[in-house]
Amino acid sequence: MTKNFSMIAILLACTGCASVVNDTTQPIKVETKTPEGELVTGAECKLSNDYGTMTVKSGDTTQVRRSSKDLDITCKDSKNPEAKARAISRANGGMWGNIVFGGGIGAIIDHNKGTAYTYPTWVQLVFGKTLVFDRSAEKEGQPTLGIEPSTSTALTASTRPRED
């Protein structure tokens, strides 16, 4: 009986692990560059996900609400064309800790609260381009490498095989 009680207590203590380890917000540094690679500070940037929209000037760091949904970023500057990006939301270590130690309840709680997810912490948008930033490409102390989404591999309605 005592052994069962101890096991239940341990499992309950581990639920919501990411909620304990991670806050509901995380910092993200947003920078903008010209196509030639020159940093531009002070551009107006809007970051939005399913929890809302935040505004930050390029060159600054802001807190964003964690979510399982991707973060869309748009930066505008009067001297440059618009810069757009998507920051991919990835499950963080707290989510895996929940699955391994806490079971499904903690994972569900942290998924719903968003604390089980993390965005790239430093992005550099390029004016005139649309980029995708994935935290899996993040290297400590460096901006995350942004890639342009490939449209050549996507099937359009006219090239997709017919299903009869």
Protein backbone atom coordinates (compact mmCIF):
# COMPACT_ATOMS: atom_id res chain seq x y z
CA MET A 1 0.00 0.00 0.00
CA THR A 2 2.78 2.43 0.94
CA LYS A 3 4.63 1.57 -2.25
CA ASN A 4 1.55 2.35 -4.39
CA PHE A 5 1.01 5.64 -2.55
CA SER A 6 4.66 6.61 -3.10
CA MET A 7 4.45 5.84 -6.82
CA ILE A 8 1.27 7.92 -7.20
CA ALA A 9 2.83 10.82 -5.28
CA ILE A 10 5.93 10.75 -7.51
CA LEU A 11 3.84 10.68 -10.68
CA LEU A 12 1.69 13.58 -9.52
CA ALA A 13 4.76 15.59 -8.54
CA CYS A 14 6.16 15.19 -12.05
CA THR A 15 3.04 16.28 -13.92
CA GLY A 16 3.24 19.73 -15.40
CA CYS A 17 7.04 19.47 -15.53
CA ALA A 18 7.48 22.05 -18.29
CA SER A 19 5.23 24.41 -16.35
CA VAL A 20 7.68 24.23 -13.46
CA VAL A 21 10.82 24.51 -15.62
CA ASN A 22 9.56 27.01 -18.23
CA ASP A 23 7.63 30.25 -17.93
CA THR A 24 4.66 30.90 -20.22
CA THR A 25 6.80 33.48 -22.07
CA GLN A 26 10.23 33.38 -23.61
CA PRO A 27 12.62 36.07 -24.89
CA ILE A 28 13.19 36.46 -28.61
CA LYS A 29 15.62 38.89 -30.22
CA VAL A 30 14.45 40.29 -33.55
CA GLU A 31 16.90 41.87 -35.97
CA THR A 32 16.46 43.07 -39.55
CA LYS A 33 18.97 43.19 -42.37
CA THR A 34 19.10 44.50 -45.90
CA PRO A 35 19.61 41.94 -48.69
CA GLU A 36 23.27 43.05 -48.66
CA GLY A 37 23.59 42.01 -45.00
CA GLU A 38 23.58 45.45 -43.34
CA LEU A 39 21.78 45.50 -39.96
CA VAL A 40 18.84 47.92 -39.76
CA THR A 41 17.66 48.90 -36.28
CA GLY A 42 14.37 50.49 -35.35
CA ALA A 43 12.10 48.78 -37.88
CA GLU A 44 8.56 48.15 -36.60
CA CYS A 45 8.09 44.39 -36.07
CA LYS A 46 4.88 42.56 -35.18
CA LEU A 47 5.03 39.06 -33.76
CA SER A 48 1.81 37.05 -33.56
CA ASN A 49 0.60 33.61 -32.60
CA ASP A 50 -2.67 32.21 -31.25
CA TYR A 51 -2.17 34.11 -27.97
CA GLY A 52 -1.94 37.57 -29.52
CA THR A 53 0.32 40.14 -31.15
CA MET A 54 3.39 41.87 -29.72
CA THR A 55 5.27 44.81 -31.21
CA VAL A 56 9.03 45.34 -30.98
CA LYS A 57 11.61 47.49 -32.72
CA SER A 58 14.23 45.53 -34.64
CA GLY A 59 17.42 45.19 -32.66
CA ASP A 60 15.49 44.67 -29.43
CA THR A 61 14.44 41.62 -27.44
CA THR A 62 10.85 41.04 -26.36
CA GLN A 63 8.93 38.41 -24.43
CA VAL A 64 6.56 36.27 -26.49
CA ARG A 65 3.88 33.90 -25.23
CA ARG A 66 4.88 30.28 -25.74
CA SER A 67 2.53 28.22 -27.89
CA SER A 68 2.35 25.03 -29.91
CA LYS A 69 1.51 27.26 -32.89
CA ASP A 70 4.19 28.93 -35.02
CA LEU A 71 5.05 32.61 -34.57
CA ASP A 72 4.51 34.92 -37.55
CA ILE A 73 6.77 37.98 -37.77
CA THR A 74 6.44 41.01 -40.05
CA CYS A 75 8.86 43.94 -40.02
CA LYS A 76 8.32 47.25 -41.80
CA ASP A 77 10.77 50.05 -42.49
CA SER A 78 10.09 53.12 -44.65
CA LYS A 79 13.34 52.63 -46.62
CA ASN A 80 12.97 48.89 -47.28
CA PRO A 81 10.42 46.37 -48.55
CA GLU A 82 8.59 44.34 -45.92
CA ALA A 83 10.38 41.43 -44.20
CA LYS A 84 8.35 38.37 -43.21
CA ALA A 85 9.16 35.25 -41.25
CA ARG A 86 7.74 32.27 -39.47
CA ALA A 87 9.40 30.97 -36.29
CA ILE A 88 8.66 27.28 -35.87
CA SER A 89 7.41 26.16 -32.46
CA ARG A 90 9.19 23.01 -31.24
CA ALA A 91 8.59 20.86 -28.18
CA ASN A 92 11.22 21.51 -25.53
CA GLY A 93 12.84 19.25 -22.94
CA GLY A 94 10.02 19.82 -20.46
CA MET A 95 7.58 18.07 -22.76
CA TRP A 96 9.83 15.02 -23.06
CA GLY A 97 10.34 14.98 -19.29
CA ASN A 98 6.58 14.91 -18.87
CA ILE A 99 6.21 11.98 -21.22
CA VAL A 100 9.03 9.98 -19.63
CA PHE A 101 8.44 10.79 -15.95
CA GLY A 102 4.98 12.28 -15.58
CA GLY A 103 2.89 10.49 -18.13
CA GLY A 104 0.22 11.98 -20.28
CA ILE A 105 -1.44 14.32 -17.79
CA GLY A 106 1.52 16.67 -17.44
CA ALA A 107 2.15 16.63 -21.20
CA ILE A 108 -1.46 17.60 -21.87
CA ILE A 109 -1.36 20.41 -19.31
CA ASP A 110 1.90 21.83 -20.66
CA HIS A 111 0.75 21.47 -24.27
CA ASN A 112 -2.41 23.43 -23.52
CA LYS A 113 -0.52 26.13 -21.61
CA GLY A 114 2.21 26.36 -24.29
CA THR A 115 5.02 25.89 -21.76
CA ALA A 116 6.11 22.70 -23.52
CA TYR A 117 7.21 24.67 -26.60
CA THR A 118 10.00 27.05 -27.52
CA TYR A 119 10.70 29.37 -30.47
CA PRO A 120 14.14 30.28 -31.82
CA THR A 121 15.63 32.86 -29.46
CA TRP A 122 17.36 35.08 -32.05
CA VAL A 123 16.15 35.75 -35.59
CA GLN A 124 17.39 38.02 -38.38
CA LEU A 125 14.77 38.89 -40.96
CA VAL A 126 15.86 40.14 -44.39
CA PHE A 127 13.91 42.94 -46.06
CA GLY A 128 12.19 41.80 -49.24
CA LYS A 129 12.26 38.12 -48.21
CA THR A 130 10.11 35.59 -46.41
CA LEU A 131 12.14 33.28 -44.17
CA VAL A 132 11.48 30.31 -41.90
CA PHE A 133 13.39 29.97 -38.62
CA ASP A 134 13.56 26.56 -36.95
CA ARG A 135 14.91 26.18 -33.42
CA SER A 136 16.42 22.83 -34.40
CA ALA A 137 19.00 24.86 -36.41
CA GLU A 138 19.81 27.15 -33.45
CA LYS A 139 23.43 27.46 -32.29
CA GLU A 140 24.34 29.02 -28.95
CA GLY A 141 25.29 32.68 -29.19
CA GLN A 142 24.36 33.02 -32.89
CA PRO A 143 21.20 34.02 -34.74
CA THR A 144 19.17 31.09 -36.01
CA LEU A 145 19.70 30.50 -39.71
CA GLY A 146 16.63 31.50 -41.71
CA ILE A 147 15.76 29.62 -44.88
CA GLU A 148 13.51 30.61 -47.74
CA PRO A 149 10.62 28.20 -48.16
CA SER A 150 10.84 26.25 -51.38
CA THR A 151 7.87 26.61 -53.70
CA SER A 152 9.33 24.43 -56.42
CA THR A 153 8.61 21.20 -54.53
CA ALA A 154 5.01 22.03 -53.68
CA LEU A 155 2.36 20.41 -55.85
CA THR A 156 -0.18 22.82 -57.23
CA ALA A 157 -3.72 21.85 -58.15
CA SER A 158 -2.79 21.79 -61.84
CA THR A 159 0.20 19.45 -61.41
CA ARG A 160 -1.21 17.20 -58.69
CA PRO A 161 -2.13 13.72 -59.98
CA ARG A 162 -5.86 13.19 -60.37
CA GLU A 163 -7.60 10.82 -58.02
CA ASP A 164 -10.30 8.97 -59.98
